[in-house]
Amino acid sequence: MPILAQEIRRLRPKSVSFRKTDSKGLYLEVFPNGSKLWRYKFRIAGREKRMALGAWPDISLADARKRRDVARLKVLDGIDPTLERKRKKRLARMNAGNSFKSVAEDFIKVRMEDSGKAESTIRKARWYVSLLEPDIGRRPINDIEPVEVLESLKKIERRGHRESANRTRALASRVFRHGIACSLCKSDPAAHLGDALATPIVTHRAAILDPNKFGQLLRDIDDFTGTPLVRIAMQILPHIMTRPGEMRMGQWSEIDWGQRIWNIPAERTKLRRLHAVPLSDQVMLLLRELHCHTGGFEKMFPAQQSHLKYMSDNSINQAMRRMGYGPDVVTAHGFRSTASTFLNESGKWHPDAIERSLAHGDSNAIRGIYNRGNYWDERVQMAQWWSDYLDELKAGVKVLPFARVGAVEGPY
C-alpha cells in the first residue's frame, strides 16, 4: 500500500534501519538515529540499483514521487539516473575549478610565457584579466553569459578608458577560445561585444617636433639633478631611437664594445626579431659613464632599491614632468616620433633605413617579404649624423627647417 503523509510523522526509529514502501520502487528508509531518507529502487541492464532522492521532511512525499517519476522515465529510456547524477556532479566540480581566472592564467602560461612573449606583453595581459576579475574572475567559465562580460567591460568604459575596455574584450575572447580548445567551455561570450563598446579615441604619444624646442629639452636633460641613471637614460634614448622598454631592460652582455653595436634580443622587441642598434660616438661615451655606475651588475638600468629589478617603466616620464614637460608635450616614446620626423624631413636617408632603425614592421606585407636588406652601412652613418645633429640642437645652433620636398614621413 502507498504511504500516507500522516503515516510518516508517526514512524518511530528502531534499533536497526527499516523501510516503508510507497509505490513504483519508491520507499522511505528510517534509520536508528531518527533520520528518514527517500530512495528509489530500479533495475537496469539486469541489475538492481538504488538512488537517493533526499531526506524527509526537506523532501515531502509529493516531491519524492515527482523525483521518482523523473528517474523512472530515464530508466525506461535505458538511462541510469545514478550515473547521470554522478556525471553532472563531476561536471559541476570541474566547472567550479575552471573559473575564468584559472583558465586565463593557463592561457597566459601556455600562449604567452611558454611561447616566449615579451614580459611587458605578459604583464599587460595579467592587468586586463585583473580588470575583469571582480565581476567574472571566480565564475565557472562555462557558465558566463555575454551580458556578464559586457557589464564588466562597460564599467571600464564608464571610467573613460575606452581603449582598455576594447583591449580587455579582445583578451577575454582569447581566454574563452582557449577554454573551448581545452573543452572547458562551449562558446565565446566576448566574441561579438565589440560593437557594444564605444570606439576608442585615438591619441598619439606626445612628441616635440620643433627643432629649437627639442634642443631646449636636451639641455634640460643634461641639467637634470635627479638620479644619475635616469639622467643617462634620458640622454641615451633620443640617440638610439629604441622603444623605452627595450632600452630600460638592457643588459651589459648585449653591448658589443668592439663593433659598437647594441644587440637587443628578439624576445624584448615588438616584432620578435633581433634588433641591432649602431652606436654613435656620443652614445659610446654615455654608455661608458653608465658602466661606471652599473657595470658590476647584469642590468644596465637597475632599480634604485634593488639591482635585481629593472628601472621603473615610468621613470623617464616622471623625470620629464619634474622638469616641467607635461604629458601633452613630450613622452619617452615620443622621442621615436621626433627622430622619425626629423630624419625623414632631412631627405638624407632612405626611408627603409629609418624604418629599420626604428624597428618598424613594413605596413606593405608583400614589400616586407621581398625587401630583406637591413641598410646596415647607411644606418651606421645615419646614427652618427643623428647624434651630431642632436648636439647641434643642444648647442642652440640656428637650425633652418629641412626642405620638405620629397621628404617621406614614416609611421611613429
Protein backbone atom coordinates (compact mmCIF):
# COMPACT_ATOMS: atom_id res chain seq x y z
CA MET A 1 0.00 0.00 0.00
CA PRO A 2 1.27 3.53 -0.79
CA ILE A 3 2.47 5.64 2.12
CA LEU A 4 0.16 8.28 3.56
CA ALA A 5 1.69 11.61 4.52
CA GLN A 6 0.40 11.41 8.11
CA GLU A 7 1.97 7.96 8.49
CA ILE A 8 5.48 9.35 8.00
CA ARG A 9 5.23 11.52 11.11
CA ARG A 10 4.19 8.54 13.21
CA LEU A 11 7.11 6.34 12.11
CA ARG A 12 9.48 5.78 15.06
CA PRO A 13 13.11 4.64 14.75
CA LYS A 14 14.11 1.12 15.76
CA SER A 15 17.38 -0.44 16.77
CA VAL A 16 18.04 -1.23 13.11
CA SER A 17 17.02 0.65 9.99
CA PHE A 18 13.81 -0.37 8.21
CA ARG A 19 11.86 0.58 5.08
CA LYS A 20 8.36 1.81 4.46
CA THR A 21 7.40 1.09 0.85
CA ASP A 22 5.40 3.51 -1.28
CA SER A 23 4.94 2.50 -4.94
CA LYS A 24 6.80 2.03 -8.24
CA GLY A 25 10.10 1.46 -6.46
CA LEU A 26 9.87 4.41 -4.03
CA TYR A 27 10.43 3.74 -0.35
CA LEU A 28 11.36 5.59 2.83
CA GLU A 29 14.26 4.26 4.88
CA VAL A 30 14.13 5.04 8.61
CA PHE A 31 17.46 4.95 10.48
CA PRO A 32 18.08 4.29 14.21
CA ASN A 33 19.04 7.94 14.73
CA GLY A 34 15.59 9.00 13.52
CA SER A 35 16.56 10.35 10.10
CA LYS A 36 14.35 9.36 7.14
CA LEU A 37 15.72 9.09 3.58
CA TRP A 38 13.79 8.63 0.35
CA ARG A 39 15.18 6.04 -2.06
CA TYR A 40 14.18 4.79 -5.49
CA LYS A 41 14.83 1.12 -6.33
CA PHE A 42 15.05 0.16 -10.00
CA ARG A 43 16.57 -2.41 -12.35
CA ILE A 44 18.67 -1.54 -15.39
CA ALA A 45 20.67 -3.89 -17.60
CA GLY A 46 19.52 -6.74 -15.34
CA ARG A 47 20.99 -5.20 -12.20
CA GLU A 48 19.12 -3.86 -9.20
CA LYS A 49 20.21 -0.36 -8.15
CA ARG A 50 19.14 2.27 -5.67
CA MET A 51 19.09 6.03 -5.90
CA ALA A 52 18.85 8.51 -3.01
CA LEU A 53 16.15 11.16 -3.57
CA GLY A 54 16.64 13.30 -0.47
CA ALA A 55 15.71 13.38 3.21
CA TRP A 56 12.30 13.87 4.74
CA PRO A 57 10.94 16.41 5.72
CA ASP A 58 13.06 18.56 3.34
CA ILE A 59 11.68 16.39 0.55
CA SER A 60 7.96 15.80 1.05
CA LEU A 61 6.10 12.71 -0.10
CA ALA A 62 4.79 14.57 -3.15
CA ASP A 63 8.29 15.81 -4.05
CA ALA A 64 9.76 12.34 -3.62
CA ARG A 65 7.17 10.87 -6.00
CA LYS A 66 7.95 13.57 -8.60
CA ARG A 67 11.69 12.77 -8.37
CA ARG A 68 10.95 9.07 -8.63
CA ASP A 69 8.84 9.64 -11.77
CA VAL A 70 11.62 11.67 -13.42
CA ALA A 71 14.18 8.96 -12.66
CA ARG A 72 11.72 6.22 -13.73
CA LEU A 73 11.29 7.80 -17.18
CA LYS A 74 15.08 7.81 -17.63
CA VAL A 75 15.24 4.13 -16.70
CA LEU A 76 12.52 3.36 -19.26
CA ASP A 77 14.73 5.12 -21.84
CA GLY A 78 17.68 2.94 -20.83
CA ILE A 79 19.48 5.72 -18.91
CA ASP A 80 20.93 5.00 -15.49
CA PRO A 81 19.90 8.05 -13.40
CA THR A 82 22.62 7.40 -10.79
CA LEU A 83 25.37 7.52 -13.42
CA GLU A 84 23.86 10.67 -14.94
CA ARG A 85 23.81 12.31 -11.50
CA LYS A 86 27.48 11.42 -10.94
CA ARG A 87 28.37 12.85 -14.35
CA LYS A 88 26.60 16.12 -13.54
CA LYS A 89 28.37 16.35 -10.18
CA ARG A 90 31.75 15.78 -11.83
CA LEU A 91 30.94 18.44 -14.42
CA ALA A 92 29.86 20.86 -11.68
CA ARG A 93 33.10 20.24 -9.75
CA MET A 94 35.14 20.70 -12.91
CA ASN A 95 33.32 23.92 -13.78
CA ALA A 96 33.77 25.21 -10.23
CA GLY A 97 37.52 24.59 -10.50
CA ASN A 98 37.73 26.09 -14.00
CA SER A 99 36.96 29.69 -13.19
CA PHE A 100 37.60 32.44 -15.73
CA LYS A 101 40.66 33.49 -13.75
CA SER A 102 42.19 29.99 -13.65
CA VAL A 103 41.62 29.49 -17.39
CA ALA A 104 43.09 32.96 -18.05
CA GLU A 105 46.18 32.04 -16.04
CA ASP A 106 46.56 28.83 -18.06
CA PHE A 107 46.12 30.80 -21.29
CA ILE A 108 48.84 33.27 -20.28
CA LYS A 109 51.21 30.45 -19.35
CA VAL A 110 50.65 28.37 -22.49
CA ARG A 111 50.16 31.05 -25.11
CA MET A 112 52.43 33.75 -23.74
CA GLU A 113 55.02 32.58 -21.20
CA ASP A 114 55.78 29.23 -22.86
CA SER A 115 55.64 30.89 -26.29
CA GLY A 116 58.34 33.43 -25.38
CA LYS A 117 56.22 36.58 -25.41
CA ALA A 118 57.77 39.75 -24.00
CA GLU A 119 57.46 40.34 -20.27
CA SER A 120 55.63 43.60 -20.96
CA THR A 121 53.04 41.73 -23.06
CA ILE A 122 52.50 39.17 -20.30
CA ARG A 123 52.24 41.87 -17.65
CA LYS A 124 49.67 43.75 -19.71
CA ALA A 125 47.60 40.59 -20.24
CA ARG A 126 47.52 39.97 -16.48
CA TRP A 127 46.36 43.56 -15.99
CA TYR A 128 43.48 43.10 -18.44
CA VAL A 129 42.45 39.93 -16.58
CA SER A 130 42.56 41.84 -13.28
CA LEU A 131 40.02 44.35 -14.68
CA LEU A 132 37.52 41.52 -15.20
CA GLU A 133 38.34 39.60 -12.03
CA PRO A 134 35.94 41.39 -9.63
CA ASP A 135 32.94 40.50 -11.82
CA ILE A 136 33.68 37.18 -13.55
CA GLY A 137 37.06 36.07 -12.18
CA ARG A 138 35.62 33.38 -9.89
CA ARG A 139 32.73 32.38 -12.13
CA PRO A 140 32.91 28.95 -13.86
CA ILE A 141 33.98 29.81 -17.40
CA ASN A 142 31.30 27.59 -18.92
CA ASP A 143 28.53 29.48 -17.09
CA ILE A 144 29.50 33.04 -18.07
CA GLU A 145 26.97 34.83 -20.25
CA PRO A 146 27.71 37.67 -22.74
CA VAL A 147 25.77 40.16 -20.61
CA GLU A 148 28.09 39.50 -17.65
CA VAL A 149 31.18 40.24 -19.72
CA LEU A 150 29.57 43.32 -21.25
CA GLU A 151 28.61 44.74 -17.85
CA SER A 152 32.20 44.34 -16.66
CA LEU A 153 33.55 46.00 -19.82
CA LYS A 154 31.07 48.85 -19.52
CA LYS A 155 32.42 49.61 -16.04
CA ILE A 156 35.86 50.12 -17.56
CA GLU A 157 34.38 52.23 -20.35
CA ARG A 158 32.43 54.45 -17.93
CA ARG A 159 35.72 55.34 -16.22
CA GLY A 160 36.76 56.88 -19.52
CA HIS A 161 39.08 54.02 -20.53
CA ARG A 162 37.67 53.13 -23.93
CA GLU A 163 40.89 51.68 -25.28
CA SER A 164 41.32 49.49 -22.20
CA ALA A 165 37.74 48.25 -22.49
CA ASN A 166 38.28 47.18 -26.09
CA ARG A 167 41.63 45.55 -25.41
CA THR A 168 40.20 43.77 -22.37
CA ARG A 169 37.38 42.39 -24.51
CA ALA A 170 39.91 41.09 -27.04
CA LEU A 171 41.95 39.40 -24.31
CA ALA A 172 38.80 37.89 -22.76
CA SER A 173 37.81 36.50 -26.16
CA ARG A 174 41.20 34.78 -26.46
CA VAL A 175 40.76 33.28 -22.97
CA PHE A 176 37.32 31.90 -23.89
CA ARG A 177 38.68 30.44 -27.14
CA HIS A 178 41.44 28.79 -25.12
CA GLY A 179 38.74 27.37 -22.87
CA ILE A 180 36.90 25.98 -25.91
CA ALA A 181 40.08 24.33 -27.18
CA CYS A 182 40.57 22.72 -23.77
CA SER A 183 36.90 21.56 -23.61
CA LEU A 184 36.25 23.79 -20.61
CA CYS A 185 33.52 25.88 -22.24
CA LYS A 186 31.39 25.71 -25.38
CA SER A 187 31.25 29.30 -26.61
CA ASP A 188 32.98 32.67 -26.57
CA PRO A 189 30.60 35.19 -24.95
CA ALA A 190 33.02 38.06 -25.63
CA ALA A 191 33.28 37.43 -29.36
CA HIS A 192 30.59 39.84 -30.56
CA LEU A 193 30.70 42.52 -27.87
CA GLY A 194 32.96 44.88 -29.77
CA ASP A 195 30.01 46.63 -31.44
CA ALA A 196 28.52 47.32 -28.00
CA LEU A 197 31.59 49.28 -26.87
CA ALA A 198 32.46 52.87 -27.73
CA THR A 199 35.20 53.35 -30.29
CA PRO A 200 38.50 54.35 -28.62
CA ILE A 201 39.63 57.93 -29.11
CA VAL A 202 42.99 57.68 -30.88
CA THR A 203 45.67 59.73 -29.17
CA HIS A 204 49.27 59.86 -30.36
CA ARG A 205 52.09 59.93 -27.86
CA ALA A 206 53.18 63.50 -27.31
CA ALA A 207 56.41 64.50 -29.04
CA ILE A 208 58.33 67.73 -29.67
CA LEU A 209 58.65 68.30 -33.42
CA ASP A 210 60.14 71.79 -33.30
CA PRO A 211 63.97 71.59 -33.55
CA ASN A 212 64.63 74.57 -31.28
CA LYS A 213 62.23 73.34 -28.59
CA PHE A 214 63.76 69.88 -28.78
CA GLY A 215 67.20 71.42 -28.33
CA GLN A 216 65.95 73.10 -25.15
CA LEU A 217 64.68 69.73 -23.90
CA LEU A 218 68.11 68.17 -24.49
CA ARG A 219 69.74 70.98 -22.49
CA ASP A 220 67.25 70.49 -19.67
CA ILE A 221 68.00 66.78 -19.63
CA ASP A 222 71.73 67.49 -19.24
CA ASP A 223 70.88 69.77 -16.28
CA PHE A 224 68.63 67.19 -14.61
CA THR A 225 69.59 66.92 -10.93
CA GLY A 226 67.80 63.68 -10.12
CA THR A 227 69.14 60.13 -10.12
CA PRO A 228 72.20 59.79 -12.45
CA LEU A 229 70.81 56.59 -14.01
CA VAL A 230 67.60 58.33 -15.03
CA ARG A 231 69.54 61.27 -16.44
CA ILE A 232 71.78 59.00 -18.51
CA ALA A 233 68.74 57.04 -19.70
CA MET A 234 67.13 60.30 -20.87
CA GLN A 235 70.38 61.29 -22.59
CA ILE A 236 70.79 57.97 -24.43
CA LEU A 237 67.20 57.39 -25.52
CA PRO A 238 66.89 60.21 -28.12
CA HIS A 239 70.03 58.95 -29.86
CA ILE A 240 69.28 55.25 -30.21
CA MET A 241 65.59 55.52 -31.25
CA THR A 242 64.54 52.32 -29.47
CA ARG A 243 61.33 51.83 -27.55
CA PRO A 244 61.82 52.89 -23.91
CA GLY A 245 61.30 49.35 -22.58
CA GLU A 246 63.88 47.92 -24.99
CA MET A 247 66.50 50.27 -23.56
CA ARG A 248 65.37 50.17 -19.93
CA MET A 249 65.62 46.36 -19.77
CA GLY A 250 69.03 46.28 -21.41
CA GLN A 251 71.84 44.05 -20.11
CA TRP A 252 75.55 44.68 -20.39
CA SER A 253 76.07 41.37 -22.21
CA GLU A 254 74.14 42.84 -25.15
CA ILE A 255 76.72 45.55 -25.80
CA ASP A 256 79.38 44.70 -28.36
CA TRP A 257 82.00 47.30 -27.42
CA GLY A 258 84.35 46.41 -30.27
CA GLN A 259 81.76 46.55 -33.05
CA ARG A 260 79.87 49.41 -31.35
CA ILE A 261 76.54 47.59 -31.53
CA TRP A 262 73.73 47.10 -29.03
CA ASN A 263 72.12 43.72 -29.84
CA ILE A 264 68.58 43.80 -28.43
CA PRO A 265 67.32 40.19 -28.25
CA ALA A 266 64.21 39.14 -30.16
CA GLU A 267 62.14 38.36 -27.06
CA ARG A 268 62.31 42.02 -25.99
CA THR A 269 61.34 43.58 -29.32
CA LYS A 270 57.84 44.19 -30.62
CA LEU A 271 58.48 42.30 -33.86
CA ARG A 272 60.17 39.37 -32.05
CA ARG A 273 63.36 39.61 -34.04
CA LEU A 274 66.89 40.64 -33.10
CA HIS A 275 67.35 44.39 -33.39
CA ALA A 276 70.94 45.59 -33.79
CA VAL A 277 71.48 49.25 -32.90
CA PRO A 278 74.60 51.01 -34.23
CA LEU A 279 76.15 53.19 -31.53
CA SER A 280 77.48 56.68 -32.24
CA ASP A 281 80.48 58.28 -30.52
CA GLN A 282 78.12 60.19 -28.22
CA VAL A 283 76.25 57.05 -27.15
CA MET A 284 79.51 55.18 -26.52
CA LEU A 285 80.60 57.95 -24.13
CA LEU A 286 77.27 57.83 -22.30
CA LEU A 287 77.46 54.03 -22.01
CA ARG A 288 80.93 54.27 -20.52
CA GLU A 289 79.61 56.74 -17.95
CA LEU A 290 76.71 54.41 -17.21
CA HIS A 291 79.13 51.49 -16.87
CA CYS A 292 80.87 53.33 -14.05
CA HIS A 293 77.56 53.21 -12.13
CA THR A 294 76.16 49.78 -13.03
CA GLY A 295 78.95 47.88 -14.78
CA GLY A 296 79.15 45.44 -11.90
CA PHE A 297 75.56 44.36 -12.39
CA GLU A 298 73.83 42.34 -15.07
CA LYS A 299 71.26 45.03 -15.74
CA MET A 300 72.26 48.32 -17.33
CA PHE A 301 69.44 50.27 -15.68
CA PRO A 302 68.67 48.55 -12.38
CA ALA A 303 66.05 49.81 -9.96
CA GLN A 304 67.21 52.18 -7.24
CA GLN A 305 66.05 49.79 -4.49
CA SER A 306 67.48 46.57 -5.94
CA HIS A 307 69.87 45.77 -8.78
CA LEU A 308 67.87 42.56 -9.34
CA LYS A 309 64.98 44.60 -10.74
CA TYR A 310 64.78 46.98 -13.69
CA MET A 311 64.25 50.71 -13.51
CA SER A 312 60.55 51.61 -13.42
CA ASP A 313 58.90 51.90 -16.82
CA ASN A 314 57.67 55.37 -15.87
CA SER A 315 60.94 56.77 -14.51
CA ILE A 316 61.79 58.81 -17.62
CA ASN A 317 58.30 60.26 -17.98
CA GLN A 318 58.22 61.21 -14.30
CA ALA A 319 61.61 62.90 -14.63
CA MET A 320 60.38 64.97 -17.57
CA ARG A 321 57.33 66.01 -15.56
CA ARG A 322 59.69 67.21 -12.81
CA MET A 323 61.49 69.28 -15.45
CA GLY A 324 58.19 70.94 -16.37
CA TYR A 325 57.29 68.99 -19.51
CA GLY A 326 53.68 67.80 -19.27
CA PRO A 327 52.36 64.55 -20.77
CA ASP A 328 50.75 66.58 -23.55
CA VAL A 329 54.16 67.99 -24.51
CA VAL A 330 56.54 65.03 -24.59
CA THR A 331 56.79 61.37 -23.60
CA ALA A 332 59.67 58.90 -23.60
CA HIS A 333 58.11 57.04 -26.52
CA GLY A 334 57.67 60.37 -28.31
CA PHE A 335 61.45 60.54 -28.90
CA ARG A 336 60.88 57.98 -31.68
CA SER A 337 58.34 60.29 -33.33
CA THR A 338 60.83 63.14 -33.19
CA ALA A 339 63.57 61.02 -34.75
CA SER A 340 61.30 59.68 -37.48
CA THR A 341 60.06 63.16 -38.39
CA PHE A 342 63.45 64.89 -38.40
CA LEU A 343 65.26 62.06 -40.24
CA ASN A 344 62.61 61.80 -42.95
CA GLU A 345 62.44 65.57 -43.37
CA SER A 346 66.21 65.77 -43.79
CA GLY A 347 65.92 63.91 -47.10
CA LYS A 348 69.37 62.41 -46.47
CA TRP A 349 68.36 58.84 -45.68
CA HIS A 350 66.43 56.08 -47.34
CA PRO A 351 63.00 55.68 -45.67
CA ASP A 352 63.63 51.95 -45.22
CA ALA A 353 66.87 52.66 -43.37
CA ILE A 354 64.93 54.89 -40.99
CA GLU A 355 62.25 52.23 -40.53
CA ARG A 356 64.88 49.59 -39.75
CA SER A 357 66.45 51.90 -37.16
CA LEU A 358 63.04 52.33 -35.54
CA ALA A 359 62.45 48.54 -35.69
CA HIS A 360 59.17 49.04 -37.51
CA GLY A 361 57.42 46.31 -39.44
CA ASP A 362 56.60 47.00 -43.09
CA SER A 363 52.98 48.09 -43.49
CA ASN A 364 53.04 46.62 -47.02
CA ALA A 365 53.16 42.86 -46.48
CA ILE A 366 54.45 41.98 -49.98
CA ARG A 367 57.09 44.70 -49.82
CA GLY A 368 58.12 43.43 -46.40
CA ILE A 369 58.67 39.91 -47.77
CA TYR A 370 60.94 40.93 -50.62
CA ASN A 371 62.72 43.89 -49.05
CA ARG A 372 65.18 41.94 -46.87
CA GLY A 373 68.03 44.42 -46.76
CA ASN A 374 68.72 45.99 -43.40
CA TYR A 375 70.63 49.01 -44.79
CA TRP A 376 73.29 48.46 -42.14
CA ASP A 377 76.04 50.67 -43.58
CA GLU A 378 73.59 53.51 -44.10
CA ARG A 379 72.18 53.04 -40.60
CA VAL A 380 75.68 53.31 -39.10
CA GLN A 381 76.25 56.61 -40.92
CA MET A 382 72.78 57.82 -40.02
CA ALA A 383 73.29 57.03 -36.31
CA GLN A 384 76.37 59.24 -36.17
CA TRP A 385 74.74 62.00 -38.23
CA TRP A 386 71.69 61.92 -35.95
CA SER A 387 73.80 62.22 -32.79
CA ASP A 388 75.76 65.09 -34.31
CA TYR A 389 72.52 66.80 -35.28
CA LEU A 390 71.18 66.42 -31.73
CA ASP A 391 74.39 68.00 -30.44
CA GLU A 392 73.78 70.96 -32.76
CA LEU A 393 70.25 71.34 -31.45
CA LYS A 394 71.51 71.14 -27.87
CA ALA A 395 74.17 73.74 -28.53
CA GLY A 396 71.45 76.14 -29.65
CA VAL A 397 72.78 76.48 -33.18
CA LYS A 398 70.42 78.32 -35.53
CA VAL A 399 68.54 75.48 -37.16
CA LEU A 400 66.91 76.01 -40.53
CA PRO A 401 63.91 73.81 -41.33
CA PHE A 402 64.57 70.93 -43.70
CA ALA A 403 63.18 71.25 -47.19
CA ARG A 404 60.04 69.16 -47.24
CA VAL A 405 60.18 68.49 -50.96
CA GLY A 406 60.38 64.76 -51.48
CA ALA A 407 60.54 64.05 -47.74
CA VAL A 408 58.88 60.84 -46.62
CA GLU A 409 57.28 60.71 -43.19
CA GLY A 410 57.40 57.25 -41.64
CA PRO A 411 54.94 55.79 -39.14
CA TYR A 412 55.58 56.53 -35.47
